[in-house]
C-alpha atoms as a PDB file:
ATOM      1  CA  MET A   1      -1.583   3.173   6.194  1.00  0.00           C
ATOM      2  CA  PRO A   2       1.528   4.306   8.063  1.00  0.00           C
ATOM      3  CA  ASP A   3       4.094   1.729   9.102  1.00  0.00           C
ATOM      4  CA  ARG A   4       4.115   0.981  12.822  1.00  0.00           C
ATOM      5  CA  ARG A   5       6.897   0.195  15.262  1.00  0.00           C
ATOM      6  CA  PRO A   6       7.019  -3.272  16.881  1.00  0.00           C
ATOM      7  CA  ARG A   7       4.790  -3.497  19.937  1.00  0.00           C
ATOM      8  CA  ARG A   8       6.527  -2.826  23.230  1.00  0.00           C
ATOM      9  CA  ALA A   9       5.287  -3.782  26.666  1.00  0.00           C
ATOM     10  CA  PRO A  10       2.072  -1.878  27.377  1.00  0.00           C
ATOM     11  CA  ALA A  11       2.478   1.408  29.175  1.00  0.00           C
ATOM     12  CA  LYS A  12       1.297   1.551  32.764  1.00  0.00           C
ATOM     13  CA  PRO A  13      -2.317   2.737  33.078  1.00  0.00           C
ATOM     14  CA  ALA A  14      -2.512   6.519  33.270  1.00  0.00           C
ATOM     15  CA  ALA A  15      -4.373   8.067  36.144  1.00  0.00           C
ATOM     16  CA  ALA A  16      -5.125  11.296  34.324  1.00  0.00           C
ATOM     17  CA  VAL A  17      -5.619  10.861  30.590  1.00  0.00           C
ATOM     18  CA  ARG A  18      -7.903  13.619  29.330  1.00  0.00           C
ATOM     19  CA  GLU A  19     -11.488  13.029  28.292  1.00  0.00           C
ATOM     20  CA  LEU A  20     -11.787  12.568  24.538  1.00  0.00           C
ATOM     21  CA  PRO A  21     -14.809  12.166  22.268  1.00  0.00           C
ATOM     22  CA  ALA A  22     -16.141   8.613  22.051  1.00  0.00           C
ATOM     23  CA  GLY A  23     -17.415   8.898  18.484  1.00  0.00           C
ATOM     24  CA  PRO A  24     -16.752  10.641  15.162  1.00  0.00           C
ATOM     25  CA  VAL A  25     -16.385  14.429  15.139  1.00  0.00           C
ATOM     26  CA  ARG A  26     -16.951  16.600  12.076  1.00  0.00           C
ATOM     27  CA  THR A  27     -14.045  18.748  10.921  1.00  0.00           C
ATOM     28  CA  SER A  28     -13.839  21.371   8.177  1.00  0.00           C
ATOM     29  CA  THR A  29     -13.072  18.785   5.499  1.00  0.00           C
ATOM     30  CA  GLY A  30     -14.439  15.466   6.798  1.00  0.00           C
ATOM     31  CA  MET A  31     -14.755  13.304   9.888  1.00  0.00           C
ATOM     32  CA  ALA A  32     -12.245  12.640  12.658  1.00  0.00           C
ATOM     33  CA  GLU A  33     -12.317   9.814  15.180  1.00  0.00           C
ATOM     34  CA  LEU A  34     -10.048   8.878  18.073  1.00  0.00           C
ATOM     35  CA  ILE A  35      -9.507   5.190  18.869  1.00  0.00           C
ATOM     36  CA  ARG A  36      -7.776   4.139  22.068  1.00  0.00           C
ATOM     37  CA  ASP A  37      -4.651   2.025  21.670  1.00  0.00           C
ATOM     38  CA  PRO A  38      -5.426  -1.310  23.399  1.00  0.00           C
ATOM     39  CA  ASP A  39      -1.738  -1.905  24.126  1.00  0.00           C
ATOM     40  CA  ARG A  40      -0.949   1.579  25.397  1.00  0.00           C
ATOM     41  CA  PRO A  41      -3.635   3.096  27.648  1.00  0.00           C
ATOM     42  CA  SER A  42      -2.284   6.638  27.319  1.00  0.00           C
ATOM     43  CA  ALA A  43      -2.303   6.588  23.505  1.00  0.00           C
ATOM     44  CA  VAL A  44      -4.866   7.143  20.753  1.00  0.00           C
ATOM     45  CA  THR A  45      -4.930   6.841  16.977  1.00  0.00           C
ATOM     46  CA  LEU A  46      -6.515   9.636  14.972  1.00  0.00           C
ATOM     47  CA  TYR A  47      -8.535   8.485  11.967  1.00  0.00           C
ATOM     48  CA  LEU A  48      -9.553  10.971   9.278  1.00  0.00           C
ATOM     49  CA  ASP A  49     -12.414   9.751   7.088  1.00  0.00           C
ATOM     50  CA  ASP A  50     -11.662   6.203   8.295  1.00  0.00           C
ATOM     51  CA  ALA A  51      -7.992   6.430   7.262  1.00  0.00           C
ATOM     52  CA  GLU A  52      -5.307   6.049   9.943  1.00  0.00           C
ATOM     53  CA  SER A  53      -3.625   9.438  10.188  1.00  0.00           C
ATOM     54  CA  SER A  54      -1.754   9.986  13.483  1.00  0.00           C
ATOM     55  CA  HIS A  55      -0.827   8.207  16.689  1.00  0.00           C
ATOM     56  CA  VAL A  56      -0.393  10.231  19.901  1.00  0.00           C
ATOM     57  CA  ASP A  57       0.686   9.233  23.385  1.00  0.00           C
ATOM     58  CA  LEU A  58      -1.082  11.790  25.563  1.00  0.00           C
ATOM     59  CA  LEU A  59       1.454  11.463  28.376  1.00  0.00           C
ATOM     60  CA  ASP A  60       4.665  10.927  26.403  1.00  0.00           C
ATOM     61  CA  PRO A  61       5.154  13.341  23.481  1.00  0.00           C
ATOM     62  CA  THR A  62       8.438  11.669  22.533  1.00  0.00           C
ATOM     63  CA  TYR A  63       6.757   8.352  21.727  1.00  0.00           C
ATOM     64  CA  LEU A  64       6.566   7.802  17.949  1.00  0.00           C
ATOM     65  CA  GLU A  65       4.553   4.775  16.909  1.00  0.00           C
ATOM     66  CA  PHE A  66       4.849   5.182  13.150  1.00  0.00           C
ATOM     67  CA  GLU A  67       8.078   3.882  11.670  1.00  0.00           C
ATOM     68  CA  TYR A  68       8.498   6.691   9.126  1.00  0.00           C
ATOM     69  CA  MET A  69       8.562   9.235  11.968  1.00  0.00           C
ATOM     70  CA  GLN A  70      11.231   7.206  13.753  1.00  0.00           C
ATOM     71  CA  GLN A  71      13.228   7.277  10.502  1.00  0.00           C
ATOM     72  CA  MET A  72      12.813  11.045  10.117  1.00  0.00           C
ATOM     73  CA  LEU A  73      13.910  11.578  13.702  1.00  0.00           C
ATOM     74  CA  ALA A  74      16.982   9.397  13.155  1.00  0.00           C
ATOM     75  CA  VAL A  75      17.942  11.451  10.092  1.00  0.00           C
ATOM     76  CA  LEU A  76      17.479  14.696  12.038  1.00  0.00           C
ATOM     77  CA  ASP A  77      19.598  13.412  14.916  1.00  0.00           C
ATOM     78  CA  VAL A  78      22.487  12.877  12.520  1.00  0.00           C
ATOM     79  CA  LEU A  79      22.091  15.956  10.321  1.00  0.00           C
ATOM     80  CA  ARG A  80      20.488  18.697  12.443  1.00  0.00           C
ATOM     81  CA  PRO A  81      21.168  18.320  16.190  1.00  0.00           C
ATOM     82  CA  GLY A  82      20.002  20.941  18.673  1.00  0.00           C
ATOM     83  CA  PRO A  83      17.066  23.383  18.548  1.00  0.00           C
ATOM     84  CA  LEU A  84      15.314  23.684  15.204  1.00  0.00           C
ATOM     85  CA  ARG A  85      13.376  26.230  13.196  1.00  0.00           C
ATOM     86  CA  ALA A  86      11.018  23.800  11.502  1.00  0.00           C
ATOM     87  CA  VAL A  87       8.003  23.943   9.198  1.00  0.00           C
ATOM     88  CA  HIS A  88       5.622  20.993   8.939  1.00  0.00           C
ATOM     89  CA  LEU A  89       3.555  20.837   5.754  1.00  0.00           C
ATOM     90  CA  GLY A  90       0.595  18.819   6.983  1.00  0.00           C
ATOM     91  CA  GLY A  91      -0.342  18.647  10.628  1.00  0.00           C
ATOM     92  CA  ALA A  92      -3.217  16.336  11.651  1.00  0.00           C
ATOM     93  CA  ALA A  93      -2.431  15.569  15.333  1.00  0.00           C
ATOM     94  CA  CYS A  94       0.961  17.352  15.112  1.00  0.00           C
ATOM     95  CA  THR A  95       2.641  14.221  16.487  1.00  0.00           C
ATOM     96  CA  PHE A  96       6.077  14.855  14.999  1.00  0.00           C
ATOM     97  CA  ALA A  97       6.125  18.561  15.881  1.00  0.00           C
ATOM     98  CA  ARG A  98       5.043  17.682  19.431  1.00  0.00           C
ATOM     99  CA  ALA A  99       7.908  15.174  19.721  1.00  0.00           C
ATOM    100  CA  LEU A 100      10.497  17.634  18.400  1.00  0.00           C
ATOM    101  CA  ASP A 101       9.332  20.244  20.900  1.00  0.00           C
ATOM    102  CA  ALA A 102       9.952  17.797  23.734  1.00  0.00           C
ATOM    103  CA  LEU A 103      13.229  16.447  22.371  1.00  0.00           C
ATOM    104  CA  ARG A 104      14.710  19.732  21.111  1.00  0.00           C
ATOM    105  CA  PRO A 105      14.088  22.465  23.721  1.00  0.00           C
ATOM    106  CA  GLY A 106      14.347  25.949  22.250  1.00  0.00           C
ATOM    107  CA  SER A 107      12.880  24.954  18.895  1.00  0.00           C
ATOM    108  CA  SER A 108      10.441  27.193  16.999  1.00  0.00           C
ATOM    109  CA  GLN A 109       7.954  25.351  14.778  1.00  0.00           C
ATOM    110  CA  LEU A 110       5.189  26.171  12.329  1.00  0.00           C
ATOM    111  CA  VAL A 111       2.579  23.612  11.286  1.00  0.00           C
ATOM    112  CA  VAL A 112       0.511  24.193   8.152  1.00  0.00           C
ATOM    113  CA  GLU A 113      -2.825  22.342   8.303  1.00  0.00           C
ATOM    114  CA  ILE A 114      -5.552  22.721   5.687  1.00  0.00           C
ATOM    115  CA  ASP A 115      -8.425  21.757   8.015  1.00  0.00           C
ATOM    116  CA  ALA A 116      -9.216  24.656  10.372  1.00  0.00           C
ATOM    117  CA  GLU A 117     -11.442  22.668  12.726  1.00  0.00           C
ATOM    118  CA  LEU A 118      -8.935  19.825  12.942  1.00  0.00           C
ATOM    119  CA  ALA A 119      -6.243  22.354  13.869  1.00  0.00           C
ATOM    120  CA  ARG A 120      -8.463  23.647  16.675  1.00  0.00           C
ATOM    121  CA  LEU A 121      -9.309  20.153  17.889  1.00  0.00           C
ATOM    122  CA  ALA A 122      -5.650  19.098  17.881  1.00  0.00           C
ATOM    123  CA  ARG A 123      -4.878  21.908  20.316  1.00  0.00           C
ATOM    124  CA  GLU A 124      -7.848  20.929  22.470  1.00  0.00           C
ATOM    125  CA  TRP A 125      -7.212  17.186  22.470  1.00  0.00           C
ATOM    126  CA  PHE A 126      -3.428  16.860  22.515  1.00  0.00           C
ATOM    127  CA  ASP A 127      -2.140  19.681  24.734  1.00  0.00           C
ATOM    128  CA  LEU A 128       0.133  21.087  22.023  1.00  0.00           C
ATOM    129  CA  PRO A 129       2.860  23.589  22.888  1.00  0.00           C
ATOM    130  CA  ARG A 130       1.847  27.226  22.484  1.00  0.00           C
ATOM    131  CA  ALA A 131       3.451  29.915  20.330  1.00  0.00           C
ATOM    132  CA  PRO A 132       6.220  30.689  19.688  1.00  0.00           C
ATOM    133  CA  ARG A 133       7.205  27.073  20.321  1.00  0.00           C
ATOM    134  CA  LEU A 134       4.503  25.729  18.011  1.00  0.00           C
ATOM    135  CA  ARG A 135       2.268  27.813  15.760  1.00  0.00           C
ATOM    136  CA  ILE A 136      -0.455  26.429  13.513  1.00  0.00           C
ATOM    137  CA  ARG A 137      -1.356  28.168  10.294  1.00  0.00           C
ATOM    138  CA  VAL A 138      -4.522  27.072   8.516  1.00  0.00           C
ATOM    139  CA  GLY A 139      -4.094  26.860   4.760  1.00  0.00           C
ATOM    140  CA  ASP A 140      -2.931  24.840   1.790  1.00  0.00           C
ATOM    141  CA  ALA A 141       0.633  23.597   2.219  1.00  0.00           C
ATOM    142  CA  ARG A 142       1.720  24.565  -1.295  1.00  0.00           C
ATOM    143  CA  ALA A 143       0.341  28.078  -0.932  1.00  0.00           C
ATOM    144  CA  ALA A 144       2.151  28.400   2.415  1.00  0.00           C
ATOM    145  CA  LEU A 145       5.460  27.459   0.785  1.00  0.00           C
ATOM    146  CA  GLY A 146       5.326  30.679  -1.215  1.00  0.00           C
ATOM    147  CA  THR A 147       4.972  32.775   1.955  1.00  0.00           C
ATOM    148  CA  LEU A 148       7.909  31.362   3.912  1.00  0.00           C
ATOM    149  CA  ALA A 149      10.735  33.840   4.432  1.00  0.00           C
ATOM    150  CA  PRO A 150      13.716  32.869   2.246  1.00  0.00           C
ATOM    151  CA  GLY A 151      16.595  31.178   4.018  1.00  0.00           C
ATOM    152  CA  ALA A 152      14.852  31.232   7.412  1.00  0.00           C
ATOM    153  CA  TRP A 153      14.183  27.579   8.281  1.00  0.00           C
ATOM    154  CA  ASP A 154      16.452  24.701   9.288  1.00  0.00           C
ATOM    155  CA  VAL A 155      14.016  21.931   8.375  1.00  0.00           C
ATOM    156  CA  LEU A 156      10.899  21.494   6.253  1.00  0.00           C
ATOM    157  CA  VAL A 157       8.888  18.320   6.824  1.00  0.00           C
ATOM    158  CA  ARG A 158       6.358  17.384   4.152  1.00  0.00           C
ATOM    159  CA  ASP A 159       3.776  14.996   5.556  1.00  0.00           C
ATOM    160  CA  ALA A 160       0.579  16.058   3.790  1.00  0.00           C
ATOM    161  CA  PHE A 161      -1.927  13.627   2.305  1.00  0.00           C
ATOM    162  CA  ASN A 162      -5.279  13.724   0.574  1.00  0.00           C
ATOM    163  CA  GLY A 163      -6.553  10.278   1.476  1.00  0.00           C
ATOM    164  CA  PRO A 164      -3.756   7.797   0.694  1.00  0.00           C
ATOM    165  CA  ALA A 165      -1.911  10.083  -1.733  1.00  0.00           C
ATOM    166  CA  VAL A 166       0.257  13.204  -1.511  1.00  0.00           C
ATOM    167  CA  PRO A 167      -1.492  16.141  -3.263  1.00  0.00           C
ATOM    168  CA  ALA A 168      -0.051  16.442  -6.749  1.00  0.00           C
ATOM    169  CA  HIS A 169       0.834  20.133  -6.424  1.00  0.00           C
ATOM    170  CA  LEU A 170       3.213  19.316  -3.539  1.00  0.00           C
ATOM    171  CA  ARG A 171       5.204  16.852  -5.644  1.00  0.00           C
ATOM    172  CA  THR A 172       6.417  19.110  -8.452  1.00  0.00           C
ATOM    173  CA  LEU A 173       9.694  20.727  -9.405  1.00  0.00           C
ATOM    174  CA  GLU A 174       8.264  24.144  -8.618  1.00  0.00           C
ATOM    175  CA  ALA A 175       7.189  23.069  -5.116  1.00  0.00           C
ATOM    176  CA  ALA A 176      10.673  21.666  -4.465  1.00  0.00           C
ATOM    177  CA  ARG A 177      12.240  24.961  -5.526  1.00  0.00           C
ATOM    178  CA  GLU A 178      10.009  26.851  -3.096  1.00  0.00           C
ATOM    179  CA  ALA A 179      10.999  24.445  -0.323  1.00  0.00           C
ATOM    180  CA  ARG A 180      14.698  24.914  -1.027  1.00  0.00           C
ATOM    181  CA  ALA A 181      14.324  28.710  -1.101  1.00  0.00           C
ATOM    182  CA  ALA A 182      12.868  28.682   2.428  1.00  0.00           C
ATOM    183  CA  LEU A 183      15.755  26.681   3.910  1.00  0.00           C
ATOM    184  CA  VAL A 184      18.981  27.963   5.408  1.00  0.00           C
ATOM    185  CA  PRO A 185      22.113  26.913   3.477  1.00  0.00           C
ATOM    186  CA  GLY A 186      22.512  23.216   4.157  1.00  0.00           C
ATOM    187  CA  GLY A 187      18.964  22.981   5.525  1.00  0.00           C
ATOM    188  CA  LEU A 188      17.024  19.743   5.321  1.00  0.00           C
ATOM    189  CA  TYR A 189      13.844  18.917   3.397  1.00  0.00           C
ATOM    190  CA  LEU A 190      12.250  15.708   4.720  1.00  0.00           C
ATOM    191  CA  VAL A 191       9.539  14.131   2.576  1.00  0.00           C
ATOM    192  CA  ASN A 192       7.127  11.345   3.479  1.00  0.00           C
ATOM    193  CA  LEU A 193       5.234   9.477   0.773  1.00  0.00           C
ATOM    194  CA  THR A 194       3.535   6.135   0.357  1.00  0.00           C
ATOM    195  CA  ASP A 195       3.911   3.896  -2.654  1.00  0.00           C
ATOM    196  CA  ARG A 196       3.305   0.406  -3.933  1.00  0.00           C
ATOM    197  CA  PRO A 197       5.033  -1.753  -6.564  1.00  0.00           C
ATOM    198  CA  PRO A 198       6.568  -0.792  -8.964  1.00  0.00           C
ATOM    199  CA  LEU A 199       7.302   2.356  -6.896  1.00  0.00           C
ATOM    200  CA  ARG A 200       6.752   4.760  -9.765  1.00  0.00           C
ATOM    201  CA  GLY A 201       5.656   7.509  -7.401  1.00  0.00           C
ATOM    202  CA  ALA A 202       8.843   7.245  -5.365  1.00  0.00           C
ATOM    203  CA  ARG A 203      10.972   7.291  -8.526  1.00  0.00           C
ATOM    204  CA  GLU A 204       9.163  10.423  -9.736  1.00  0.00           C
ATOM    205  CA  GLU A 205       9.671  12.155  -6.411  1.00  0.00           C
ATOM    206  CA  VAL A 206      13.378  11.327  -6.325  1.00  0.00           C
ATOM    207  CA  ALA A 207      13.845  12.514  -9.921  1.00  0.00           C
ATOM    208  CA  THR A 208      12.047  15.766  -9.086  1.00  0.00           C
ATOM    209  CA  LEU A 209      13.939  16.480  -5.877  1.00  0.00           C
ATOM    210  CA  ARG A 210      17.328  15.643  -7.389  1.00  0.00           C
ATOM    211  CA  ALA A 211      16.707  18.329 -10.011  1.00  0.00           C
ATOM    212  CA  VAL A 212      16.599  20.891  -7.172  1.00  0.00           C
ATOM    213  CA  PHE A 213      18.759  19.531  -4.323  1.00  0.00           C
ATOM    214  CA  GLU A 214      22.380  18.455  -4.816  1.00  0.00           C
ATOM    215  CA  HIS A 215      22.067  15.633  -2.298  1.00  0.00           C
ATOM    216  CA  VAL A 216      19.098  13.263  -1.913  1.00  0.00           C
ATOM    217  CA  ALA A 217      18.837   9.983  -0.019  1.00  0.00           C
ATOM    218  CA  LEU A 218      15.974   7.497   0.199  1.00  0.00           C
ATOM    219  CA  VAL A 219      15.007   5.572   3.342  1.00  0.00           C
ATOM    220  CA  ALA A 220      12.683   2.561   3.211  1.00  0.00           C
ATOM    221  CA  ASP A 221      12.032  -0.955   4.418  1.00  0.00           C
ATOM    222  CA  PRO A 222      13.895  -3.421   2.159  1.00  0.00           C
ATOM    223  CA  ALA A 223      10.599  -5.220   1.492  1.00  0.00           C
ATOM    224  CA  ILE A 224       9.176  -2.028   0.008  1.00  0.00           C
ATOM    225  CA  LEU A 225      12.278  -1.486  -2.119  1.00  0.00           C
ATOM    226  CA  ARG A 226      12.027  -5.060  -3.396  1.00  0.00           C
ATOM    227  CA  GLY A 227       8.455  -4.375  -4.479  1.00  0.00           C
ATOM    228  CA  ARG A 228       6.892  -6.801  -2.028  1.00  0.00           C
ATOM    229  CA  ARG A 229       4.493  -4.460  -0.264  1.00  0.00           C
ATOM    230  CA  PHE A 230       2.921  -1.030   0.056  1.00  0.00           C
ATOM    231  CA  GLY A 231       4.467   1.335   2.582  1.00  0.00           C
ATOM    232  CA  ASN A 232       6.136   4.598   3.492  1.00  0.00           C
ATOM    233  CA  VAL A 233       9.225   6.024   1.826  1.00  0.00           C
ATOM    234  CA  VAL A 234      11.200   8.887   3.387  1.00  0.00           C
ATOM    235  CA  LEU A 235      13.385  11.191   1.307  1.00  0.00           C
ATOM    236  CA  ALA A 236      16.074  13.440   2.807  1.00  0.00           C
ATOM    237  CA  CYS A 237      17.204  16.373   0.643  1.00  0.00           C
ATOM    238  CA  SER A 238      19.817  19.066   1.187  1.00  0.00           C
ATOM    239  CA  SER A 239      22.242  21.375  -0.568  1.00  0.00           C
ATOM    240  CA  ALA A 240      24.904  20.014   1.796  1.00  0.00           C
ATOM    241  CA  PRO A 241      26.402  16.514   1.594  1.00  0.00           C
ATOM    242  CA  LEU A 242      24.547  13.782   3.469  1.00  0.00           C
ATOM    243  CA  PRO A 243      26.873  11.502   5.479  1.00  0.00           C
ATOM    244  CA  GLY A 244      25.710   8.219   4.002  1.00  0.00           C
ATOM    245  CA  PRO A 245      27.685   5.825   6.234  1.00  0.00           C
ATOM    246  CA  ASP A 246      26.596   7.609   9.420  1.00  0.00           C
ATOM    247  CA  LEU A 247      22.972   7.726   8.317  1.00  0.00           C
ATOM    248  CA  ALA A 248      22.973   4.073   7.262  1.00  0.00           C
ATOM    249  CA  ARG A 249      24.449   3.008  10.591  1.00  0.00           C
ATOM    250  CA  VAL A 250      21.803   4.889  12.624  1.00  0.00           C
ATOM    251  CA  LEU A 251      18.967   3.579  10.458  1.00  0.00           C
ATOM    252  CA  ARG A 252      20.158   0.005  10.912  1.00  0.00           C
ATOM    253  CA  ARG A 253      19.845   0.453  14.690  1.00  0.00           C
ATOM    254  CA  LEU A 254      16.125   1.237  14.595  1.00  0.00           C
ATOM    255  CA  ALA A 255      13.678  -1.280  16.050  1.00  0.00           C
ATOM    256  CA  LEU A 256      12.824  -2.210  12.465  1.00  0.00           C
ATOM    257  CA  PRO A 257      16.032  -1.583  10.480  1.00  0.00           C
ATOM    258  CA  VAL A 258      15.663   0.166   7.137  1.00  0.00           C
ATOM    259  CA  ARG A 259      17.887   0.706   4.128  1.00  0.00           C
ATOM    260  CA  LEU A 260      19.489   3.944   2.946  1.00  0.00           C
ATOM    261  CA  VAL A 261      19.739   4.368  -0.821  1.00  0.00           C
ATOM    262  CA  ASP A 262      21.949   7.150  -2.207  1.00  0.00           C
ATOM    263  CA  GLY A 263      24.602   7.868  -4.821  1.00  0.00           C
ATOM    264  CA  GLU A 264      24.844   5.415  -7.713  1.00  0.00           C
ATOM    265  CA  ARG A 265      22.229   3.121  -6.174  1.00  0.00           C
ATOM    266  CA  LEU A 266      19.782   6.003  -6.284  1.00  0.00           C
ATOM    267  CA  ASP A 267      20.775   6.638  -9.926  1.00  0.00           C
ATOM    268  CA  ASP A 268      19.785   3.066 -10.697  1.00  0.00           C
ATOM    269  CA  PHE A 269      16.541   3.422  -8.749  1.00  0.00           C
ATOM    270  CA  VAL A 270      15.449   6.524 -10.680  1.00  0.00           C
ATOM    271  CA  GLY A 271      16.636   5.418 -14.110  1.00  0.00           C
ATOM    272  CA  THR A 272      15.171   7.674 -16.812  1.00  0.00           C
ATOM    273  CA  THR A 273      12.142   8.813 -14.805  1.00  0.00           C
ATOM    274  CA  PRO A 274      11.518  12.519 -15.540  1.00  0.00           C
ATOM    275  CA  PRO A 275      10.763  15.159 -12.884  1.00  0.00           C
ATOM    276  CA  LEU A 276       7.176  16.224 -12.206  1.00  0.00           C
ATOM    277  CA  VAL A 277       6.203  19.795 -13.111  1.00  0.00           C
ATOM    278  CA  ASP A 278       3.260  22.086 -12.506  1.00  0.00           C
ATOM    279  CA  PRO A 279       0.626  22.043 -15.269  1.00  0.00           C
ATOM    280  CA  ALA A 280       0.866  24.926 -17.701  1.00  0.00           C
ATOM    281  CA  ARG A 281      -1.673  27.732 -17.442  1.00  0.00           C
ATOM    282  CA  PRO A 282      -4.205  27.926 -20.298  1.00  0.00           C
ATOM    283  CA  HIS A 283      -3.284  30.489 -22.959  1.00  0.00           C
ATOM    284  CA  ASP A 284       0.069  31.138 -21.316  1.00  0.00           C
ATOM    285  CA  ASP A 285       3.266  30.440 -23.194  1.00  0.00           C
ATOM    286  CA  GLU A 286       5.503  31.353 -20.292  1.00  0.00           C
ATOM    287  CA  GLY A 287       5.401  27.943 -18.630  1.00  0.00           C
ATOM    288  CA  PRO A 288       4.087  26.433 -15.414  1.00  0.00           C
ATOM    289  CA  ALA A 289       1.703  28.396 -13.246  1.00  0.00           C
ATOM    290  CA  PRO A 290       2.960  29.746  -9.943  1.00  0.00           C
ATOM    291  CA  SER A 291       1.083  28.659  -6.860  1.00  0.00           C
ATOM    292  CA  GLY A 292       0.252  30.242  -3.538  1.00  0.00           C
ATOM    293  CA  ALA A 293       0.052  33.899  -2.726  1.00  0.00           C
ATOM    294  CA  ASP A 294       1.405  36.656  -4.953  1.00  0.00           C
ATOM    295  CA  PRO A 295       5.022  37.037  -3.816  1.00  0.00           C
ATOM    296  CA  SER A 296       4.773  40.805  -4.261  1.00  0.00           C
ATOM    297  CA  SER A 297       1.990  41.103  -1.694  1.00  0.00           C
ATOM    298  CA  ALA A 298       2.432  38.120   0.648  1.00  0.00           C
ATOM    299  CA  VAL A 299       3.507  38.645   4.223  1.00  0.00           C
ATOM    300  CA  ARG A 300       6.532  36.449   4.727  1.00  0.00           C
ATOM    301  CA  LEU A 301       6.427  33.918   7.554  1.00  0.00           C
ATOM    302  CA  ARG A 302       9.603  34.220   9.602  1.00  0.00           C
ATOM    303  CA  ALA A 303      11.037  31.620  11.926  1.00  0.00           C
ATOM    304  CA  ASP A 304      10.785  34.035  14.860  1.00  0.00           C
ATOM    305  CA  GLY A 305       7.043  34.382  14.335  1.00  0.00           C
ATOM    306  CA  ARG A 306       7.080  38.088  13.442  1.00  0.00           C
ATOM    307  CA  SER A 307       5.832  39.765  10.244  1.00  0.00           C
ATOM    308  CA  ARG A 308       3.287  37.041   9.584  1.00  0.00           C
ATOM    309  CA  PRO A 309      -0.473  36.776   9.045  1.00  0.00           C
ATOM    310  CA  ALA A 310      -2.663  36.154  12.111  1.00  0.00           C
ATOM    311  CA  ASP A 311      -3.137  32.482  12.996  1.00  0.00           C
ATOM    312  CA  PRO A 312      -6.686  31.593  11.884  1.00  0.00           C
ATOM    313  CA  SER A 313      -6.734  28.584  14.206  1.00  0.00           C
ATOM    314  CA  GLY A 314      -6.531  30.713  17.315  1.00  0.00           C
ATOM    315  CA  PRO A 315      -3.765  31.874  19.630  1.00  0.00           C
ATOM    316  CA  GLY A 316      -0.490  29.953  19.506  1.00  0.00           C
END
């Protein structure tokens, strides 16, 4: 379950909040349900197969209820100000992409969502920006990584889950290399994961990403780092140095302050944990199997929206 921000005073009742379904709705991969937020009349929580997935304020796209999204936004504000060319691996309600569109005018974003019907419903329910501001591509996030134009994107945000866990093929060394290849020099790869004591998953992810990116920092609630509870962990990765003191100062100012772990403290956190790699192909001595489309035939997805496959989820 995503972390939530502390409750603020309820928003004033909205006179024109759109009609939304009152019960479960079938999607391509499961069931979706929207539950009104009792403390914020203009907001709903999207549940996918009974798991809390997204929170959306229908009237205020800048409102981010989940703490990990507040943390990601704080990191972006320090490292990548201004308009962004961003890819989101995992979409659901497109909450974070919707917020960036409102906060960073001039941005161009691509969301990759595996559930075609959910992508269509998100556009219908949440009044998402149209292309080229926000495009949705239906497909597997790992396969999409292999079709991103090299060096074309400022930010990649990985926020894809299969139930409570990140799909294994998004957590490997090979996936991290594909993410780095798509970024501009000094671009930012933001990763969201959930973990519980003893945080083995987080240690594996850090070990994997540090084998690809020169600079990695971890952001989490101190209680999670002390192994006291389950929760979200955010990782920021770049080929360019990350200004630790500036990041730590901004993260301490959040409604729920969190800790930044980098440098030697991150060395201690990882210890001897090895990176994760793709499984080897049967009867193949050449090593891990590539994923996604054949690079020789794939149409590359550019940040300007040209030279790309048609959007299966519909126009913009």
